[in-house]
Every structure is written in C-alpha cells, then in structure tokens.
Amino acid sequence: MTATEKSPRESLVERLFRPVDIASLTAFRILFGALMLVSVVRFWANGWIRDFYIVPPFHFHYFGFSWVSPWPSWGMYAHFVVLGLASALVMVGLFYRAAAAVLFVAFTYVELLEKATYLNHYYLISILSFLMIFLPLHRAASIDAWRNPALASRTAPAWALLLLRFQIGVVYVFAGIAKLGPDWLLRGEPLGIWLSAHTDIPLVGPLLAERWVARAASFAGAAFDLTVVFFLLRDRTRRFAYAAVLGFHFVTGMLFPIGVFPWVMSASALIFFPPSWPRQLVARISRRFARSTPEDLAAPEPPRTMGMWQRMGLALLAVHGIVQIALPLRHFLYPGNTAWSEEGFRFAWRVMLVEKLGYVELRIHDHTTGRTLLAEPSRWLTPLQTKMMAQSPDMILELAHHVADDYARRGKRVSVYADAWVTMNGRPSRRIIDPSVDLTAVQDSLLPKPWILPLDDSAEKSATASSQP
C-alpha cells in the first residue's frame, strides 16, 4: 500500500473523527433541554404527576421492570423538580454530563412507572438523553465552556452528528415502514376515525369526514415518513423537506393528543442541516458574513489509526445501531396481526397505527367457596388505566395477577378469567383473549402468547363480498 493509499478502516476512522462545526449540536442541546423543561412544567400544570403516579394504588409495569415503584407523593413532586432542574442545566450547559445522566435516569424512571402512559416519544427522549451523556455538546454556548476555556471548542467529531442523524432517521423510516399495511393504505384507518372527529373545524371540517380524504392523507403520511430523511440529507431538497416537517408536525400536533412529540421531532430534524447552520443564522441576523472560514474551525487532525478508545467507541456505536434496527423488526417473530396482539409493538416506532377501544369483565372464581363473581376492572384502576388496559392483552394479564394477589392478602385463593372485547380501526368488536384461560396460571414472557385470540378478518371480508351486487 502506498503512502497515499488508505485502508477502508483508516478511511472510516478519519470520516467518523473528522472535525465538524459544533454549532448544530449545540443548538440541539439547547432545544432539547428547553423542550424537556416545558414538558416538566406541562406535567405539573395539568396535574398529571398526581393523576398518573400518586392516585393509582396499582401501576402497570413493563416486562422485567416490576420492581420499579413510585416515590411517596412528596417524593414524586421532588422528583419532577430534579427532572426540571436537570433539563435546565442541560439547556444552559452547566455540569452538562452529570445533568444529562440525571435527566436520562429521572425521565426513564418516570417512563417505567406506568405502562398505561406509554408514548413513542417518551422512549425517544430516553434514548436521546442517554446518548447525550456521551456526546460533547457542551463545548460551545455553555456555562461549562465559559467557566473552563480549555473545554471550549468550535468543533466536534463527526460521529456525534452522524449518531443523532441516525437516531432521528430511524424514527421516521420505521414509522413509514409500519404504515405499509392494508389498514393504513387501503382502509385509510385509523386516520379516517380521527379526522372525522374534527368535522367542526371551519372551512375544511366537512372534508375530513370524506373517505377519500382519509385515504389520501394516509398515503401522504406514509410517503412523508419513508422519504423525508432522504430529502433532508440532500442540499437541494432540504429546505422544502424541513418545511414539510414543520407542516406535518404542526397539523398532527393540533389534531391529535400526542404531547410534545411533534415539537421534539421538529426541533430534532434541524440536525440534518449543515453543521454550521446556527452560526450562519446568527451571522445573517447580525448582518455579518455567514459562512465560517477554515480558521474558524481549525482543529487537530483526526486519528489515522484506531486506538483502544476508538475501537471501543466504534463497537458501542455498532451495537447501538444493531439494537435500534432490531427492536422495530422484532414483531416479525410473532404470529398474526401484532397491532391487534401488541406483541413486539412497543419501542418499535409503530406510530399512529391503531385506534382501539375495549371492554373487559373479570370472572373471579373463589376456590374456597366455589363461587364465581363478576367484577369491573375499575375497582382496581383509574379511568386512564382502565381504558388502556382494556385494549392491551399483556396489561389484562397483569391486572389478573394483581386481582389474585389482592384476594390472597385477604386469605382467598382465586382464579381470574377475562371476557375481553376489542374493536380495532373501526372493525366490529371481537374477543381478544381466550375466556377459558385462567390468567393467574399464565406467566408473562417475551414468547408468543397462545392465550391471545388472533384477529380474523375472514368473516368481515365474507360479509363485504356478499353485500356486493
């Protein structure tokens, strides 16, 4: 190999560790911290700390995290104070790495407390806050850099920028792939159900009840998710793509109750712009020449060979990438319609795919007296928990075990059966759980669940076909 030739590995190292303008990474840190602070204030102002984590005597848990439990009432409020403080410190860049670690732990703890409040953007925030612990986003426009000039830098390694682009890109691409199904593309559901609930909007309201509008919007949504990342990566289409991002997330934020997710995605998509975009924006506003000169970004040469830390870093990046690609694909390991069974459904960016409503009646058989009682889940749950449980088989299973434990504390041994009916995306209501299965004898696992009844569309298709002239 000649002196001018480089092995593929050396070329990769240089590309990953080459210096890029740190401005866009700094802007990401500030916007992310600000949105997290707003989210904490929003939780407090809406009374959700009390409603979600203090009032319920029982909480639904994620698999493997049944040991996570809430603080006493004063502790939950103190926890959100710490969460808000960590968000503010990340935003201003003070004690940044420690603040990012606290933000990750504190937010993820809240997320794990109650499965009934699951949202895709909670998972995204946990991932981003975890990555930020290791990203050097505090070397500019931060109090840390002001207090320690030796820390300050106008550049960051390219891998930090590429990692954030990958993570945001994963969300869009897999959300688009998830929409390539008959419900979304052919039936226009659940978008048709949601749009028809907004027919009172002036001017466009009556159109929202039209089926063709729902189908057209569904196609547009799938096309947006599948292509927007590629358009954001291209110089010629980036501005138009970002305008589409703002429009798309503004509309979804106004029409659907999905929290700060639209604003987090709108802010995060800025990471696809050239790294110097904030510096250029400030320069334009202040009427100075926008583009940074080479001297502005002077930085040490990237390493030409991999040391131990570089090899370890690349290995961790590869593991993270594999996990983020594998988790959204794991639903293929389960039989049937996983939107119905919810197996492999969470943490997979399967965004806005279903509108489900359910009703559950518990049959509790007392082995001591031989009597069978009928009970409403609302005896043990809040209204939100009751609603979310009624559509999720794994939550119905956990409730059955909780009910059995409740009776056991009173010295009674019971079996618990569930008569559970669910309607999904406008279909007729159908049983989702085998009513003959004693759920207290079933242990939750990551394996396929044979006690979940499959979604059978054959009867509906036959009825539709017989109605055709």
Protein backbone atom coordinates (compact mmCIF):
# COMPACT_ATOMS: atom_id res chain seq x y z
CA MET A 1 0.00 0.00 0.00
CA THR A 2 1.47 3.37 -0.98
CA ALA A 3 1.71 6.36 1.34
CA THR A 4 -1.30 7.97 -0.32
CA GLU A 5 -3.48 4.85 -0.11
CA LYS A 6 -5.72 4.23 2.89
CA SER A 7 -7.34 1.07 4.09
CA PRO A 8 -11.15 1.15 4.37
CA ARG A 9 -10.80 1.04 8.16
CA GLU A 10 -8.48 4.06 8.23
CA SER A 11 -10.80 5.93 5.91
CA LEU A 12 -13.77 5.15 8.19
CA VAL A 13 -11.87 6.34 11.26
CA GLU A 14 -10.99 9.61 9.58
CA ARG A 15 -14.58 10.19 8.45
CA LEU A 16 -16.01 9.47 11.89
CA PHE A 17 -13.50 11.54 13.81
CA ARG A 18 -13.03 14.45 11.43
CA PRO A 19 -13.96 17.80 13.00
CA VAL A 20 -17.28 19.43 12.09
CA ASP A 21 -18.78 22.68 13.27
CA ILE A 22 -20.25 22.14 16.74
CA ALA A 23 -22.96 24.78 16.25
CA SER A 24 -25.79 22.43 15.22
CA LEU A 25 -25.00 20.04 18.08
CA THR A 26 -25.11 22.95 20.50
CA ALA A 27 -28.46 24.06 19.11
CA PHE A 28 -29.77 20.51 19.55
CA ARG A 29 -28.71 20.54 23.21
CA ILE A 30 -30.39 23.87 23.90
CA LEU A 31 -33.64 23.00 22.13
CA PHE A 32 -33.83 19.54 23.69
CA GLY A 33 -33.27 20.88 27.19
CA ALA A 34 -35.83 23.64 26.66
CA LEU A 35 -38.49 21.20 25.40
CA MET A 36 -37.85 18.88 28.32
CA LEU A 37 -38.26 21.78 30.74
CA VAL A 38 -41.54 22.73 29.07
CA SER A 39 -42.67 19.11 29.32
CA VAL A 40 -41.98 19.02 33.07
CA VAL A 41 -43.91 22.27 33.59
CA ARG A 42 -46.74 20.87 31.47
CA PHE A 43 -46.96 17.72 33.60
CA TRP A 44 -47.09 19.81 36.75
CA ALA A 45 -49.63 22.32 35.43
CA ASN A 46 -52.02 19.63 34.16
CA GLY A 47 -51.96 17.71 37.42
CA TRP A 48 -50.54 14.63 35.70
CA ILE A 49 -47.97 13.95 38.43
CA ARG A 50 -50.82 13.34 40.85
CA ASP A 51 -53.19 11.64 38.39
CA PHE A 52 -50.66 9.27 36.83
CA TYR A 53 -48.26 8.41 39.64
CA ILE A 54 -49.78 9.26 43.04
CA VAL A 55 -53.52 8.49 42.85
CA PRO A 56 -53.37 4.97 41.33
CA PRO A 57 -52.90 2.31 44.02
CA PHE A 58 -51.61 -0.05 41.32
CA HIS A 59 -49.30 0.54 38.35
CA PHE A 60 -48.82 -1.47 35.17
CA HIS A 61 -45.19 -2.44 34.61
CA TYR A 62 -43.04 -3.16 31.60
CA PHE A 63 -41.70 -6.69 31.30
CA GLY A 64 -38.71 -7.07 33.63
CA PHE A 65 -39.35 -3.81 35.49
CA SER A 66 -41.95 -4.82 38.06
CA TRP A 67 -39.51 -3.66 40.75
CA VAL A 68 -39.92 -0.01 39.70
CA SER A 69 -42.34 1.77 42.03
CA PRO A 70 -43.26 5.43 42.64
CA TRP A 71 -41.99 7.64 45.43
CA PRO A 72 -44.43 8.82 48.08
CA SER A 73 -46.47 11.82 46.92
CA TRP A 74 -43.96 14.43 48.10
CA GLY A 75 -41.16 12.38 46.54
CA MET A 76 -42.83 12.38 43.11
CA TYR A 77 -43.10 16.17 43.15
CA ALA A 78 -39.47 16.43 44.29
CA HIS A 79 -38.51 14.01 41.50
CA PHE A 80 -40.06 16.28 38.88
CA VAL A 81 -38.26 19.28 40.40
CA VAL A 82 -34.98 17.40 39.90
CA LEU A 83 -36.06 16.45 36.37
CA GLY A 84 -36.84 20.07 35.54
CA LEU A 85 -33.55 21.26 37.05
CA ALA A 86 -31.59 18.68 35.04
CA SER A 87 -33.38 19.83 31.87
CA ALA A 88 -32.47 23.45 32.58
CA LEU A 89 -28.83 22.54 33.27
CA VAL A 90 -28.60 20.62 30.01
CA MET A 91 -30.10 23.59 28.18
CA VAL A 92 -27.56 26.11 29.55
CA GLY A 93 -24.69 23.60 29.57
CA LEU A 94 -23.84 23.67 33.29
CA PHE A 95 -22.45 20.44 34.79
CA TYR A 96 -23.62 19.08 31.45
CA ARG A 97 -22.63 15.42 31.56
CA ALA A 98 -23.89 14.93 35.11
CA ALA A 99 -27.10 16.79 34.23
CA ALA A 100 -27.62 14.64 31.12
CA ALA A 101 -27.15 11.50 33.21
CA VAL A 102 -29.66 12.70 35.80
CA LEU A 103 -32.08 13.66 33.02
CA PHE A 104 -31.82 10.18 31.49
CA VAL A 105 -32.26 8.32 34.78
CA ALA A 106 -35.00 10.60 36.13
CA PHE A 107 -37.03 10.62 32.92
CA THR A 108 -36.66 6.90 32.24
CA TYR A 109 -37.73 6.16 35.82
CA VAL A 110 -40.95 8.13 35.23
CA GLU A 111 -41.49 6.35 31.92
CA LEU A 112 -41.11 2.93 33.56
CA LEU A 113 -43.53 3.73 36.38
CA GLU A 114 -46.71 3.30 34.35
CA LYS A 115 -47.20 1.35 31.14
CA ALA A 116 -50.65 2.88 30.64
CA THR A 117 -49.00 6.22 29.76
CA TYR A 118 -46.68 4.77 27.09
CA LEU A 119 -45.94 7.04 24.14
CA ASN A 120 -43.32 6.61 21.46
CA HIS A 121 -41.77 9.99 22.17
CA TYR A 122 -41.11 9.03 25.81
CA TYR A 123 -38.93 6.22 24.53
CA LEU A 124 -37.22 8.60 22.08
CA ILE A 125 -36.46 11.08 24.86
CA SER A 126 -34.91 8.31 26.94
CA ILE A 127 -32.67 7.28 24.03
CA LEU A 128 -31.61 10.84 23.19
CA SER A 129 -30.91 11.79 26.80
CA PHE A 130 -28.81 8.63 27.18
CA LEU A 131 -26.78 9.40 24.04
CA MET A 132 -26.25 12.98 25.18
CA ILE A 133 -24.31 11.76 28.21
CA PHE A 134 -21.51 10.74 25.84
CA LEU A 135 -21.82 13.49 23.23
CA PRO A 136 -19.62 16.60 23.65
CA LEU A 137 -22.50 19.05 23.25
CA HIS A 138 -21.27 21.41 25.98
CA ARG A 139 -18.10 22.67 24.34
CA ALA A 140 -19.78 25.78 22.94
CA ALA A 141 -22.54 28.17 24.03
CA SER A 142 -22.45 26.67 27.51
CA ILE A 143 -21.64 27.80 31.03
CA ASP A 144 -19.22 24.87 31.28
CA ALA A 145 -17.18 26.21 28.35
CA TRP A 146 -17.31 29.74 29.79
CA ARG A 147 -16.08 28.52 33.19
CA ASN A 148 -13.38 26.31 31.65
CA PRO A 149 -11.94 27.83 28.45
CA ALA A 150 -9.81 24.73 27.93
CA LEU A 151 -13.04 22.80 27.31
CA ALA A 152 -14.34 25.22 24.69
CA SER A 153 -14.20 24.15 21.06
CA ARG A 154 -15.78 25.24 17.82
CA THR A 155 -15.72 21.68 16.50
CA ALA A 156 -16.90 18.21 17.47
CA PRO A 157 -16.16 14.79 15.97
CA ALA A 158 -18.39 13.92 13.04
CA TRP A 159 -19.63 10.72 14.72
CA ALA A 160 -21.61 12.78 17.24
CA LEU A 161 -23.55 14.46 14.44
CA LEU A 162 -24.00 11.23 12.49
CA LEU A 163 -25.26 9.39 15.57
CA LEU A 164 -28.06 11.90 16.17
CA ARG A 165 -28.98 11.88 12.49
CA PHE A 166 -29.17 8.10 12.56
CA GLN A 167 -31.37 8.07 15.66
CA ILE A 168 -33.87 10.59 14.30
CA GLY A 169 -33.79 8.90 10.90
CA VAL A 170 -34.68 5.55 12.46
CA VAL A 171 -37.87 7.02 13.91
CA TYR A 172 -39.10 8.35 10.56
CA VAL A 173 -38.11 5.37 8.43
CA PHE A 174 -39.58 2.69 10.68
CA ALA A 175 -42.72 4.77 11.24
CA GLY A 176 -43.13 4.77 7.47
CA ILE A 177 -42.46 1.06 7.09
CA ALA A 178 -45.04 0.32 9.78
CA LYS A 179 -47.68 2.14 7.71
CA LEU A 180 -47.26 -0.18 4.73
CA GLY A 181 -50.24 -2.29 5.68
CA PRO A 182 -53.83 -2.75 4.47
CA ASP A 183 -55.44 -0.84 7.34
CA TRP A 184 -53.42 2.30 6.73
CA LEU A 185 -53.13 2.25 2.93
CA LEU A 186 -56.35 0.55 1.80
CA ARG A 187 -58.86 1.27 4.55
CA GLY A 188 -57.46 4.69 5.48
CA GLU A 189 -57.69 3.71 9.14
CA PRO A 190 -57.30 4.78 11.84
CA LEU A 191 -56.82 8.19 10.23
CA GLY A 192 -60.43 8.19 8.98
CA ILE A 193 -61.74 7.75 12.51
CA TRP A 194 -59.57 10.53 13.89
CA LEU A 195 -60.23 13.00 11.08
CA SER A 196 -64.00 12.51 11.27
CA ALA A 197 -63.85 13.66 14.89
CA HIS A 198 -62.75 17.12 13.71
CA THR A 199 -65.52 17.99 11.27
CA ASP A 200 -66.27 21.13 13.31
CA ILE A 201 -63.11 22.83 12.04
CA PRO A 202 -64.08 25.87 9.92
CA LEU A 203 -63.85 25.51 6.13
CA VAL A 204 -62.08 22.13 5.95
CA GLY A 205 -64.15 20.35 8.61
CA PRO A 206 -66.75 18.78 6.27
CA LEU A 207 -63.98 17.39 4.05
CA LEU A 208 -62.47 15.47 6.96
CA ALA A 209 -65.45 13.12 7.01
CA GLU A 210 -64.81 12.03 3.39
CA ARG A 211 -63.24 8.59 2.98
CA TRP A 212 -61.08 9.70 0.08
CA VAL A 213 -59.54 12.39 2.27
CA ALA A 214 -58.59 9.80 4.90
CA ARG A 215 -57.04 7.52 2.28
CA ALA A 216 -55.16 10.38 0.61
CA ALA A 217 -53.89 11.60 3.99
CA SER A 218 -52.81 8.06 4.87
CA PHE A 219 -50.82 7.71 1.65
CA ALA A 220 -49.28 11.14 2.21
CA GLY A 221 -48.33 10.26 5.79
CA ALA A 222 -46.63 7.03 4.77
CA ALA A 223 -44.79 8.76 1.91
CA PHE A 224 -43.66 11.54 4.25
CA ASP A 225 -42.21 9.17 6.85
CA LEU A 226 -40.48 6.99 4.26
CA THR A 227 -38.83 9.79 2.28
CA VAL A 228 -38.35 12.84 4.48
CA VAL A 229 -34.97 11.72 5.86
CA PHE A 230 -33.53 11.28 2.36
CA PHE A 231 -34.81 14.70 1.30
CA LEU A 232 -33.40 16.27 4.48
CA LEU A 233 -29.98 14.82 3.63
CA ARG A 234 -29.89 16.45 0.18
CA ASP A 235 -28.85 20.09 -0.17
CA ARG A 236 -31.30 20.81 -2.99
CA THR A 237 -34.37 19.47 -1.19
CA ARG A 238 -33.52 20.11 2.49
CA ARG A 239 -35.40 23.38 2.95
CA PHE A 240 -38.53 22.07 1.27
CA ALA A 241 -38.32 18.87 3.31
CA TYR A 242 -37.99 20.82 6.55
CA ALA A 243 -40.97 22.96 5.61
CA ALA A 244 -42.88 19.69 5.17
CA VAL A 245 -41.63 18.55 8.60
CA LEU A 246 -42.97 21.73 10.22
CA GLY A 247 -46.29 21.48 8.40
CA PHE A 248 -46.73 17.77 9.11
CA HIS A 249 -45.94 18.02 12.80
CA PHE A 250 -47.97 21.19 13.26
CA VAL A 251 -51.07 19.52 11.84
CA THR A 252 -50.57 16.30 13.84
CA GLY A 253 -49.89 18.32 16.99
CA MET A 254 -53.11 20.27 16.56
CA LEU A 255 -55.33 17.32 15.66
CA PHE A 256 -54.02 14.54 17.87
CA PRO A 257 -53.15 14.35 21.60
CA ILE A 258 -49.54 13.20 21.23
CA GLY A 259 -47.88 15.58 23.67
CA VAL A 260 -44.58 17.28 22.79
CA PHE A 261 -43.67 14.65 20.19
CA PRO A 262 -44.34 16.93 17.17
CA TRP A 263 -42.19 19.68 18.63
CA VAL A 264 -39.37 17.31 19.61
CA MET A 265 -39.28 15.94 16.07
CA SER A 266 -39.45 19.42 14.51
CA ALA A 267 -36.50 20.57 16.60
CA SER A 268 -34.54 17.35 16.11
CA ALA A 269 -34.89 17.44 12.31
CA LEU A 270 -32.66 20.52 12.30
CA ILE A 271 -29.75 18.14 12.91
CA PHE A 272 -29.90 17.28 9.17
CA PHE A 273 -28.93 20.83 8.18
CA PRO A 274 -25.24 21.70 7.63
CA PRO A 275 -23.41 21.71 10.99
CA SER A 276 -22.83 25.47 10.84
CA TRP A 277 -26.48 26.49 10.31
CA PRO A 278 -26.91 28.20 13.72
CA ARG A 279 -23.70 30.17 13.20
CA GLN A 280 -24.85 31.23 9.75
CA LEU A 281 -28.29 32.16 11.08
CA VAL A 282 -26.81 34.33 13.81
CA ALA A 283 -24.46 35.92 11.31
CA ARG A 284 -27.30 36.74 8.94
CA ILE A 285 -29.38 38.20 11.72
CA SER A 286 -26.43 40.34 12.81
CA ARG A 287 -25.71 41.23 9.15
CA ARG A 288 -22.28 39.67 9.12
CA PHE A 289 -20.86 37.23 6.58
CA ALA A 290 -22.48 33.92 7.45
CA ARG A 291 -20.05 31.25 6.36
CA SER A 292 -17.32 30.12 8.75
CA THR A 293 -13.76 30.40 7.46
CA PRO A 294 -11.35 27.47 7.64
CA GLU A 295 -9.52 29.19 10.53
CA ASP A 296 -12.76 29.29 12.49
CA LEU A 297 -12.88 25.51 12.51
CA ALA A 298 -9.23 24.75 12.99
CA ALA A 299 -8.91 21.51 14.92
CA PRO A 300 -6.49 18.63 15.43
CA GLU A 301 -6.29 16.07 12.69
CA PRO A 302 -8.49 13.03 13.25
CA PRO A 303 -6.67 9.85 14.27
CA ARG A 304 -5.27 7.84 11.38
CA THR A 305 -5.23 4.58 13.31
CA MET A 306 -7.64 3.25 15.88
CA GLY A 307 -6.57 3.21 19.49
CA MET A 308 -8.34 1.29 22.23
CA TRP A 309 -10.89 4.04 22.89
CA GLN A 310 -11.69 4.48 19.22
CA ARG A 311 -12.20 0.74 18.79
CA MET A 312 -14.41 0.59 21.87
CA GLY A 313 -16.39 3.61 20.70
CA LEU A 314 -16.96 2.16 17.25
CA ALA A 315 -18.04 -1.16 18.78
CA LEU A 316 -20.57 0.59 21.03
CA LEU A 317 -21.88 2.63 18.09
CA ALA A 318 -22.33 -0.58 16.11
CA VAL A 319 -24.16 -2.28 18.99
CA HIS A 320 -26.46 0.71 19.40
CA GLY A 321 -27.23 0.72 15.68
CA ILE A 322 -28.00 -3.01 15.64
CA VAL A 323 -30.33 -2.68 18.63
CA GLN A 324 -32.18 0.26 17.14
CA ILE A 325 -32.75 -1.63 13.90
CA ALA A 326 -33.57 -4.98 15.53
CA LEU A 327 -36.19 -3.73 18.02
CA PRO A 328 -38.57 -2.36 15.35
CA LEU A 329 -38.24 -5.61 13.40
CA ARG A 330 -38.90 -7.99 16.28
CA HIS A 331 -42.65 -8.01 15.63
CA PHE A 332 -41.96 -10.33 12.67
CA LEU A 333 -41.11 -13.01 15.25
CA TYR A 334 -44.74 -13.10 16.40
CA PRO A 335 -47.68 -14.65 14.55
CA GLY A 336 -50.73 -12.79 13.31
CA ASN A 337 -51.53 -9.10 13.37
CA THR A 338 -49.26 -7.62 16.04
CA ALA A 339 -51.17 -4.35 16.03
CA TRP A 340 -54.00 -6.44 17.46
CA SER A 341 -51.98 -8.55 19.92
CA GLU A 342 -49.42 -5.78 20.67
CA GLU A 343 -46.62 -8.34 20.71
CA GLY A 344 -43.41 -6.57 19.73
CA PHE A 345 -45.45 -3.40 19.28
CA ARG A 346 -43.90 -1.01 21.79
CA PHE A 347 -40.46 0.58 21.36
CA ALA A 348 -40.73 -0.02 17.61
CA TRP A 349 -41.87 3.35 16.19
CA ARG A 350 -45.20 1.87 15.11
CA VAL A 351 -46.67 5.35 15.33
CA MET A 352 -50.39 6.14 14.96
CA LEU A 353 -51.29 2.72 13.57
CA VAL A 354 -54.29 1.78 15.67
CA GLU A 355 -57.43 3.12 17.25
CA LYS A 356 -58.59 0.54 19.75
CA LEU A 357 -61.41 0.50 22.25
CA GLY A 358 -62.03 -2.36 24.60
CA TYR A 359 -64.27 -3.68 27.33
CA VAL A 360 -63.17 -6.20 29.95
CA GLU A 361 -65.20 -8.09 32.53
CA LEU A 362 -63.35 -10.24 35.03
CA ARG A 363 -64.68 -13.60 36.21
CA ILE A 364 -63.19 -14.38 39.61
CA HIS A 365 -63.58 -17.95 40.83
CA ASP A 366 -63.13 -18.40 44.57
CA HIS A 367 -61.67 -21.86 45.20
CA THR A 368 -62.72 -21.79 48.87
CA THR A 369 -66.43 -21.15 48.37
CA GLY A 370 -66.73 -22.37 44.79
CA ARG A 371 -68.48 -19.15 43.84
CA THR A 372 -67.74 -17.13 40.70
CA LEU A 373 -68.01 -13.35 40.82
CA LEU A 374 -68.14 -10.81 38.01
CA ALA A 375 -66.08 -7.68 38.57
CA GLU A 376 -65.32 -4.47 36.73
CA PRO A 377 -61.60 -3.58 36.42
CA SER A 378 -62.42 -0.04 37.58
CA ARG A 379 -62.50 -1.44 41.13
CA TRP A 380 -58.69 -1.51 40.99
CA LEU A 381 -57.83 1.05 38.29
CA THR A 382 -58.14 4.72 37.38
CA PRO A 383 -60.16 5.67 34.26
CA LEU A 384 -57.00 6.05 32.14
CA GLN A 385 -55.64 2.71 33.30
CA THR A 386 -59.00 1.05 32.65
CA LYS A 387 -59.11 2.41 29.10
CA MET A 388 -55.56 1.43 28.18
CA MET A 389 -55.73 -1.97 29.90
CA ALA A 390 -58.90 -2.96 28.03
CA GLN A 391 -57.08 -2.92 24.69
CA SER A 392 -53.75 -4.49 25.73
CA PRO A 393 -53.59 -8.24 26.45
CA ASP A 394 -50.38 -8.01 28.50
CA MET A 395 -51.96 -5.39 30.75
CA ILE A 396 -55.09 -7.55 31.17
CA LEU A 397 -52.80 -10.39 32.25
CA GLU A 398 -51.01 -8.18 34.78
CA LEU A 399 -54.32 -6.96 36.18
CA ALA A 400 -55.47 -10.57 36.63
CA HIS A 401 -52.38 -11.31 38.71
CA HIS A 402 -52.90 -8.15 40.74
CA VAL A 403 -56.51 -9.13 41.46
CA ALA A 404 -55.39 -12.60 42.55
CA ASP A 405 -52.77 -11.05 44.85
CA ASP A 406 -55.41 -8.71 46.28
CA TYR A 407 -57.61 -11.67 47.16
CA ALA A 408 -54.63 -13.63 48.51
CA ARG A 409 -53.91 -10.82 51.00
CA ARG A 410 -57.40 -11.50 52.34
CA GLY A 411 -56.72 -15.22 52.62
CA LYS A 412 -58.55 -16.30 49.47
CA ARG A 413 -57.25 -18.29 46.52
CA VAL A 414 -58.89 -17.36 43.23
CA SER A 415 -58.66 -17.95 39.51
CA VAL A 416 -59.22 -14.97 37.22
CA TYR A 417 -60.69 -15.17 33.71
CA ALA A 418 -61.21 -12.25 31.36
CA ASP A 419 -64.06 -11.70 28.94
CA ALA A 420 -62.30 -9.07 26.84
CA TRP A 421 -63.70 -7.48 23.67
CA VAL A 422 -61.81 -5.05 21.46
CA THR A 423 -62.62 -3.07 18.34
CA MET A 424 -59.63 -2.01 16.23
CA ASN A 425 -59.65 0.55 13.43
CA GLY A 426 -63.42 0.51 13.02
CA ARG A 427 -63.88 -3.28 12.96
CA PRO A 428 -66.72 -4.94 14.86
CA SER A 429 -65.85 -5.76 18.47
CA ARG A 430 -64.20 -9.18 18.91
CA ARG A 431 -62.80 -11.25 21.74
CA ILE A 432 -59.09 -10.77 22.18
CA ILE A 433 -58.41 -13.25 25.00
CA ASP A 434 -59.46 -16.87 25.40
CA PRO A 435 -62.11 -16.62 28.15
CA SER A 436 -61.45 -20.21 29.25
CA VAL A 437 -57.84 -19.49 30.29
CA ASP A 438 -57.09 -18.88 33.96
CA LEU A 439 -54.80 -15.89 33.63
CA THR A 440 -53.34 -16.39 37.10
CA ALA A 441 -51.75 -19.60 35.78
CA VAL A 442 -50.09 -17.70 32.90
CA GLN A 443 -46.72 -16.01 33.36
CA ASP A 444 -45.81 -13.11 31.13
CA SER A 445 -42.83 -13.56 28.81
CA LEU A 446 -41.42 -12.36 25.52
CA LEU A 447 -42.58 -15.54 23.77
CA PRO A 448 -45.73 -15.65 21.59
CA LYS A 449 -48.88 -15.75 23.73
CA PRO A 450 -51.26 -18.55 22.66
CA TRP A 451 -53.98 -17.26 25.00
CA ILE A 452 -54.41 -14.17 22.79
CA LEU A 453 -57.06 -14.87 20.16
CA PRO A 454 -55.96 -13.94 16.62
CA LEU A 455 -57.67 -11.21 14.63
CA ASP A 456 -59.77 -12.98 12.00
CA ASP A 457 -60.91 -10.69 9.17
CA SER A 458 -62.39 -13.54 7.11
CA ALA A 459 -65.93 -13.05 8.43
CA GLU A 460 -65.79 -9.35 7.69
CA LYS A 461 -64.42 -9.99 4.19
CA SER A 462 -67.15 -12.55 3.51
CA ALA A 463 -69.86 -10.15 4.65
CA THR A 464 -68.41 -7.40 2.48
CA ALA A 465 -68.21 -9.70 -0.54
CA SER A 466 -71.77 -10.97 -0.10
CA SER A 467 -73.07 -7.41 0.01
CA GLN A 468 -71.57 -6.61 -3.40
CA PRO A 469 -74.06 -6.65 -6.33
